[in-house]
């Protein structure tokens, strides 16, 4: 793919990204843009909140992100909130920009893409992160809502590096705190 491409939905690029689950609605929510929800059955449209132009734009960082593959997401994605974590595939279309990522500006296509339009394509609920969460129930609920395949994934398969270490520690601390509260 060239540095920018216009694609229709039937020819979408499939990338990988993280989501969380919005409390109250149960919708997928952006990890970095906490107010951005992905309602079931709706197409998410990219907006540039900084410059106000049509997104994505080559000279800006706006657009809906998707990593090239799970390995790249694990390497470059940063997830530090001890909340429900969803990892999955996202279909990107409209204007799609080949995005090298912030630490390799001279290399094309290292990290993934930024798209104009997006919908989740397949999801996996991350296990072992939130004490007491029935990830199987959540997966079935998301599958019914979004009408796409949803499974579960181990925390160690979903994140790597510093994110994995921090999230594992936070999950252990939450389990210990919950266990201590029951013992009191």
C-alpha atoms as a PDB file:
ATOM      1  CA  UNK A   1       0.000   0.000   0.000  1.00  0.00           C
ATOM      2  CA  UNK A   2       1.198   3.559  -0.738  1.00  0.00           C
ATOM      3  CA  UNK A   3       1.579   6.058   2.109  1.00  0.00           C
ATOM      4  CA  UNK A   4      -2.131   6.963   1.739  1.00  0.00           C
ATOM      5  CA  UNK A   5      -4.902   5.007   0.089  1.00  0.00           C
ATOM      6  CA  UNK A   6      -8.667   5.360  -0.285  1.00  0.00           C
ATOM      7  CA  UNK A   7     -10.448   2.060   0.324  1.00  0.00           C
ATOM      8  CA  UNK A   8     -14.071   1.027   0.411  1.00  0.00           C
ATOM      9  CA  UNK A   9     -15.427  -1.030   3.313  1.00  0.00           C
ATOM     10  CA  UNK A  10     -15.213  -4.281   1.344  1.00  0.00           C
ATOM     11  CA  UNK A  11     -11.469  -3.681   0.902  1.00  0.00           C
ATOM     12  CA  UNK A  12     -10.725  -2.547   4.461  1.00  0.00           C
ATOM     13  CA  UNK A  13      -7.295  -2.857   6.048  1.00  0.00           C
ATOM     14  CA  UNK A  14      -7.337  -5.080   9.137  1.00  0.00           C
ATOM     15  CA  UNK A  15      -5.277  -3.764  12.034  1.00  0.00           C
ATOM     16  CA  UNK A  16      -4.993  -4.589  15.740  1.00  0.00           C
ATOM     17  CA  UNK A  17      -5.820  -2.391  18.723  1.00  0.00           C
ATOM     18  CA  UNK A  18      -6.763  -2.317  22.402  1.00  0.00           C
ATOM     19  CA  UNK A  19     -10.122  -1.273  23.842  1.00  0.00           C
ATOM     20  CA  UNK A  20     -11.663  -1.101  27.276  1.00  0.00           C
ATOM     21  CA  UNK A  21     -15.328  -1.418  28.219  1.00  0.00           C
ATOM     22  CA  UNK A  22     -17.229   1.741  29.120  1.00  0.00           C
ATOM     23  CA  UNK A  23     -18.996   1.483  32.448  1.00  0.00           C
ATOM     24  CA  UNK A  24     -22.716   1.980  32.144  1.00  0.00           C
ATOM     25  CA  UNK A  25     -23.055   1.272  28.418  1.00  0.00           C
ATOM     26  CA  UNK A  26     -20.915  -1.850  28.048  1.00  0.00           C
ATOM     27  CA  UNK A  27     -19.632  -0.452  24.723  1.00  0.00           C
ATOM     28  CA  UNK A  28     -16.051  -0.704  23.612  1.00  0.00           C
ATOM     29  CA  UNK A  29     -14.119   2.437  24.569  1.00  0.00           C
ATOM     30  CA  UNK A  30     -10.828   3.788  23.308  1.00  0.00           C
ATOM     31  CA  UNK A  31      -7.919   3.209  25.698  1.00  0.00           C
ATOM     32  CA  UNK A  32      -6.314   6.585  24.942  1.00  0.00           C
ATOM     33  CA  UNK A  33      -9.391   8.680  24.123  1.00  0.00           C
ATOM     34  CA  UNK A  34     -11.526   7.802  27.157  1.00  0.00           C
ATOM     35  CA  UNK A  35     -14.631   9.628  25.863  1.00  0.00           C
ATOM     36  CA  UNK A  36     -14.641   7.807  22.522  1.00  0.00           C
ATOM     37  CA  UNK A  37     -17.042   4.861  22.561  1.00  0.00           C
ATOM     38  CA  UNK A  38     -17.566   2.365  19.741  1.00  0.00           C
ATOM     39  CA  UNK A  39     -21.344   1.663  19.819  1.00  0.00           C
ATOM     40  CA  UNK A  40     -22.426  -1.694  18.338  1.00  0.00           C
ATOM     41  CA  UNK A  41     -23.735  -1.451  14.780  1.00  0.00           C
ATOM     42  CA  UNK A  42     -22.192   1.982  14.168  1.00  0.00           C
ATOM     43  CA  UNK A  43     -19.194   3.024  12.114  1.00  0.00           C
ATOM     44  CA  UNK A  44     -16.672   5.108  14.043  1.00  0.00           C
ATOM     45  CA  UNK A  45     -15.669   8.214  12.071  1.00  0.00           C
ATOM     46  CA  UNK A  46     -12.241   9.756  12.727  1.00  0.00           C
ATOM     47  CA  UNK A  47     -12.181  13.383  13.846  1.00  0.00           C
ATOM     48  CA  UNK A  48      -9.218  15.680  14.356  1.00  0.00           C
ATOM     49  CA  UNK A  49      -9.727  17.351  17.717  1.00  0.00           C
ATOM     50  CA  UNK A  50      -6.549  19.419  17.454  1.00  0.00           C
ATOM     51  CA  UNK A  51      -6.613  21.059  14.015  1.00  0.00           C
ATOM     52  CA  UNK A  52     -10.238  20.429  13.074  1.00  0.00           C
ATOM     53  CA  UNK A  53      -9.505  19.121   9.570  1.00  0.00           C
ATOM     54  CA  UNK A  54     -10.787  15.922   7.974  1.00  0.00           C
ATOM     55  CA  UNK A  55      -9.033  12.916   9.505  1.00  0.00           C
ATOM     56  CA  UNK A  56      -6.681  11.263   8.952  1.00  0.00           C
ATOM     57  CA  UNK A  57      -4.213  13.789   7.623  1.00  0.00           C
ATOM     58  CA  UNK A  58      -0.604  12.980   6.716  1.00  0.00           C
ATOM     59  CA  UNK A  59       0.777  16.018   8.550  1.00  0.00           C
ATOM     60  CA  UNK A  60      -1.152  15.240  11.765  1.00  0.00           C
ATOM     61  CA  UNK A  61      -1.478  12.332  14.209  1.00  0.00           C
ATOM     62  CA  UNK A  62      -5.274  12.101  13.866  1.00  0.00           C
ATOM     63  CA  UNK A  63      -7.212   9.079  12.669  1.00  0.00           C
ATOM     64  CA  UNK A  64      -8.302   5.714  13.996  1.00  0.00           C
ATOM     65  CA  UNK A  65      -5.248   3.583  14.692  1.00  0.00           C
ATOM     66  CA  UNK A  66      -4.655  -0.077  13.937  1.00  0.00           C
ATOM     67  CA  UNK A  67      -1.317  -1.856  14.457  1.00  0.00           C
ATOM     68  CA  UNK A  68       0.010  -4.020  11.632  1.00  0.00           C
ATOM     69  CA  UNK A  69      -0.289  -7.238  13.701  1.00  0.00           C
ATOM     70  CA  UNK A  70      -0.641  -8.453  17.290  1.00  0.00           C
ATOM     71  CA  UNK A  71       3.125  -8.591  17.773  1.00  0.00           C
ATOM     72  CA  UNK A  72       3.468  -4.928  16.783  1.00  0.00           C
ATOM     73  CA  UNK A  73       0.559  -3.947  19.038  1.00  0.00           C
ATOM     74  CA  UNK A  74       2.150  -5.797  21.950  1.00  0.00           C
ATOM     75  CA  UNK A  75       5.476  -4.041  21.290  1.00  0.00           C
ATOM     76  CA  UNK A  76       4.146  -0.501  20.764  1.00  0.00           C
ATOM     77  CA  UNK A  77       0.768  -0.448  22.508  1.00  0.00           C
ATOM     78  CA  UNK A  78       0.708   0.979  25.993  1.00  0.00           C
ATOM     79  CA  UNK A  79      -2.024  -0.199  28.362  1.00  0.00           C
ATOM     80  CA  UNK A  80      -1.594   0.862  31.945  1.00  0.00           C
ATOM     81  CA  UNK A  81      -5.124   0.893  33.331  1.00  0.00           C
ATOM     82  CA  UNK A  82      -6.086  -2.029  35.573  1.00  0.00           C
ATOM     83  CA  UNK A  83      -9.482  -2.281  33.898  1.00  0.00           C
ATOM     84  CA  UNK A  84     -11.160  -4.705  31.547  1.00  0.00           C
ATOM     85  CA  UNK A  85      -8.940  -4.963  28.489  1.00  0.00           C
ATOM     86  CA  UNK A  86     -10.042  -6.074  25.033  1.00  0.00           C
ATOM     87  CA  UNK A  87      -7.628  -6.809  22.203  1.00  0.00           C
ATOM     88  CA  UNK A  88      -8.777  -7.338  18.663  1.00  0.00           C
ATOM     89  CA  UNK A  89      -8.897  -6.644  15.002  1.00  0.00           C
ATOM     90  CA  UNK A  90     -10.266  -3.410  13.555  1.00  0.00           C
ATOM     91  CA  UNK A  91     -11.391  -2.850   9.956  1.00  0.00           C
ATOM     92  CA  UNK A  92     -10.166   0.521   8.627  1.00  0.00           C
ATOM     93  CA  UNK A  93     -11.330   2.139   5.398  1.00  0.00           C
ATOM     94  CA  UNK A  94     -11.933   5.465   3.679  1.00  0.00           C
ATOM     95  CA  UNK A  95      -8.668   7.369   3.677  1.00  0.00           C
ATOM     96  CA  UNK A  96      -6.071   5.023   5.173  1.00  0.00           C
ATOM     97  CA  UNK A  97      -2.556   6.272   5.905  1.00  0.00           C
ATOM     98  CA  UNK A  98       0.419   3.983   6.313  1.00  0.00           C
ATOM     99  CA  UNK A  99       1.696   5.067   9.749  1.00  0.00           C
ATOM    100  CA  UNK A 100       5.293   4.271  10.721  1.00  0.00           C
ATOM    101  CA  UNK A 101       4.823   5.208  14.373  1.00  0.00           C
ATOM    102  CA  UNK A 102       6.387   7.937  16.484  1.00  0.00           C
ATOM    103  CA  UNK A 103       9.778   6.323  17.080  1.00  0.00           C
ATOM    104  CA  UNK A 104      10.531   5.492  13.407  1.00  0.00           C
ATOM    105  CA  UNK A 105       9.409   8.533  11.388  1.00  0.00           C
ATOM    106  CA  UNK A 106      11.641   7.719   8.409  1.00  0.00           C
ATOM    107  CA  UNK A 107      10.403   4.131   7.961  1.00  0.00           C
ATOM    108  CA  UNK A 108       7.061   3.470   6.251  1.00  0.00           C
ATOM    109  CA  UNK A 109       4.608   0.905   7.526  1.00  0.00           C
ATOM    110  CA  UNK A 110       6.387  -0.242  10.653  1.00  0.00           C
ATOM    111  CA  UNK A 111       3.544   0.222  13.146  1.00  0.00           C
ATOM    112  CA  UNK A 112       0.318   0.180  11.175  1.00  0.00           C
ATOM    113  CA  UNK A 113      -2.351   2.459   9.825  1.00  0.00           C
ATOM    114  CA  UNK A 114      -4.594   5.409  10.610  1.00  0.00           C
ATOM    115  CA  UNK A 115      -8.040   5.247   9.042  1.00  0.00           C
ATOM    116  CA  UNK A 116     -11.020   7.481   8.409  1.00  0.00           C
ATOM    117  CA  UNK A 117     -13.719   4.891   9.231  1.00  0.00           C
ATOM    118  CA  UNK A 118     -13.584   1.819  11.474  1.00  0.00           C
ATOM    119  CA  UNK A 119     -15.519  -1.030  13.053  1.00  0.00           C
ATOM    120  CA  UNK A 120     -14.308  -3.846  15.313  1.00  0.00           C
ATOM    121  CA  UNK A 121     -13.806  -7.053  13.295  1.00  0.00           C
ATOM    122  CA  UNK A 122     -12.939  -9.645  16.002  1.00  0.00           C
ATOM    123  CA  UNK A 123     -12.313  -9.319  19.741  1.00  0.00           C
ATOM    124  CA  UNK A 124     -10.670 -11.121  22.636  1.00  0.00           C
ATOM    125  CA  UNK A 125     -11.337 -10.348  26.299  1.00  0.00           C
ATOM    126  CA  UNK A 126      -8.107 -10.448  28.325  1.00  0.00           C
ATOM    127  CA  UNK A 127      -8.155 -12.938  31.228  1.00  0.00           C
ATOM    128  CA  UNK A 128      -6.521 -12.556  34.647  1.00  0.00           C
ATOM    129  CA  UNK A 129      -6.702  -8.767  34.818  1.00  0.00           C
ATOM    130  CA  UNK A 130      -9.815  -7.880  36.824  1.00  0.00           C
ATOM    131  CA  UNK A 131     -10.551 -10.030  39.869  1.00  0.00           C
ATOM    132  CA  UNK A 132     -13.995 -11.612  39.808  1.00  0.00           C
ATOM    133  CA  UNK A 133     -14.644 -10.788  36.160  1.00  0.00           C
ATOM    134  CA  UNK A 134     -16.196 -13.650  34.226  1.00  0.00           C
ATOM    135  CA  UNK A 135     -14.401 -13.071  30.921  1.00  0.00           C
ATOM    136  CA  UNK A 136     -16.450 -15.799  29.243  1.00  0.00           C
ATOM    137  CA  UNK A 137     -19.710 -13.994  30.109  1.00  0.00           C
ATOM    138  CA  UNK A 138     -18.267 -10.689  28.902  1.00  0.00           C
ATOM    139  CA  UNK A 139     -17.094 -12.319  25.659  1.00  0.00           C
ATOM    140  CA  UNK A 140     -20.585 -13.729  25.006  1.00  0.00           C
ATOM    141  CA  UNK A 141     -22.172 -10.353  25.773  1.00  0.00           C
ATOM    142  CA  UNK A 142     -19.818  -8.501  23.398  1.00  0.00           C
ATOM    143  CA  UNK A 143     -20.397 -11.150  20.723  1.00  0.00           C
ATOM    144  CA  UNK A 144     -24.166 -10.625  20.960  1.00  0.00           C
ATOM    145  CA  UNK A 145     -23.834  -6.819  20.927  1.00  0.00           C
ATOM    146  CA  UNK A 146     -21.250  -6.430  18.167  1.00  0.00           C
ATOM    147  CA  UNK A 147     -22.189  -9.541  16.154  1.00  0.00           C
ATOM    148  CA  UNK A 148     -18.551 -10.489  15.601  1.00  0.00           C
ATOM    149  CA  UNK A 149     -16.402 -13.332  16.957  1.00  0.00           C
ATOM    150  CA  UNK A 150     -15.288 -12.788  20.568  1.00  0.00           C
ATOM    151  CA  UNK A 151     -13.013 -15.113  22.540  1.00  0.00           C
ATOM    152  CA  UNK A 152     -10.714 -14.802  25.559  1.00  0.00           C
ATOM    153  CA  UNK A 153      -6.935 -14.326  25.655  1.00  0.00           C
ATOM    154  CA  UNK A 154      -4.354 -14.650  28.427  1.00  0.00           C
ATOM    155  CA  UNK A 155      -2.839 -11.415  29.708  1.00  0.00           C
ATOM    156  CA  UNK A 156       0.648 -12.645  28.790  1.00  0.00           C
ATOM    157  CA  UNK A 157      -0.469 -13.082  25.163  1.00  0.00           C
ATOM    158  CA  UNK A 158      -2.169  -9.667  24.979  1.00  0.00           C
ATOM    159  CA  UNK A 159       0.551  -7.323  26.249  1.00  0.00           C
ATOM    160  CA  UNK A 160       4.351  -7.291  26.439  1.00  0.00           C
ATOM    161  CA  UNK A 161       7.196  -5.281  27.880  1.00  0.00           C
ATOM    162  CA  UNK A 162       6.560  -2.595  30.494  1.00  0.00           C
ATOM    163  CA  UNK A 163       2.779  -2.759  29.964  1.00  0.00           C
ATOM    164  CA  UNK A 164       2.759  -6.480  30.761  1.00  0.00           C
ATOM    165  CA  UNK A 165       4.825  -5.995  33.901  1.00  0.00           C
ATOM    166  CA  UNK A 166       2.703  -3.110  35.182  1.00  0.00           C
ATOM    167  CA  UNK A 167      -0.643  -4.735  34.370  1.00  0.00           C
ATOM    168  CA  UNK A 168       0.440  -8.067  35.924  1.00  0.00           C
ATOM    169  CA  UNK A 169       1.503  -6.266  39.107  1.00  0.00           C
ATOM    170  CA  UNK A 170      -1.741  -4.258  39.238  1.00  0.00           C
ATOM    171  CA  UNK A 171      -3.816  -7.417  38.730  1.00  0.00           C
ATOM    172  CA  UNK A 172      -1.909  -9.244  41.502  1.00  0.00           C
ATOM    173  CA  UNK A 173      -2.363  -6.266  43.849  1.00  0.00           C
ATOM    174  CA  UNK A 174      -6.092  -6.108  43.094  1.00  0.00           C
ATOM    175  CA  UNK A 175      -6.484  -9.860  43.764  1.00  0.00           C
ATOM    176  CA  UNK A 176      -4.535  -9.569  47.046  1.00  0.00           C
ATOM    177  CA  UNK A 177      -6.617  -6.579  48.125  1.00  0.00           C
ATOM    178  CA  UNK A 178      -9.844  -8.393  47.294  1.00  0.00           C
ATOM    179  CA  UNK A 179      -8.679 -11.510  49.159  1.00  0.00           C
ATOM    180  CA  UNK A 180      -7.640  -9.410  52.173  1.00  0.00           C
ATOM    181  CA  UNK A 181     -11.035  -7.684  52.246  1.00  0.00           C
ATOM    182  CA  UNK A 182     -12.810 -11.071  52.303  1.00  0.00           C
ATOM    183  CA  UNK A 183     -10.617 -12.263  55.172  1.00  0.00           C
ATOM    184  CA  UNK A 184     -11.509  -9.249  57.342  1.00  0.00           C
END
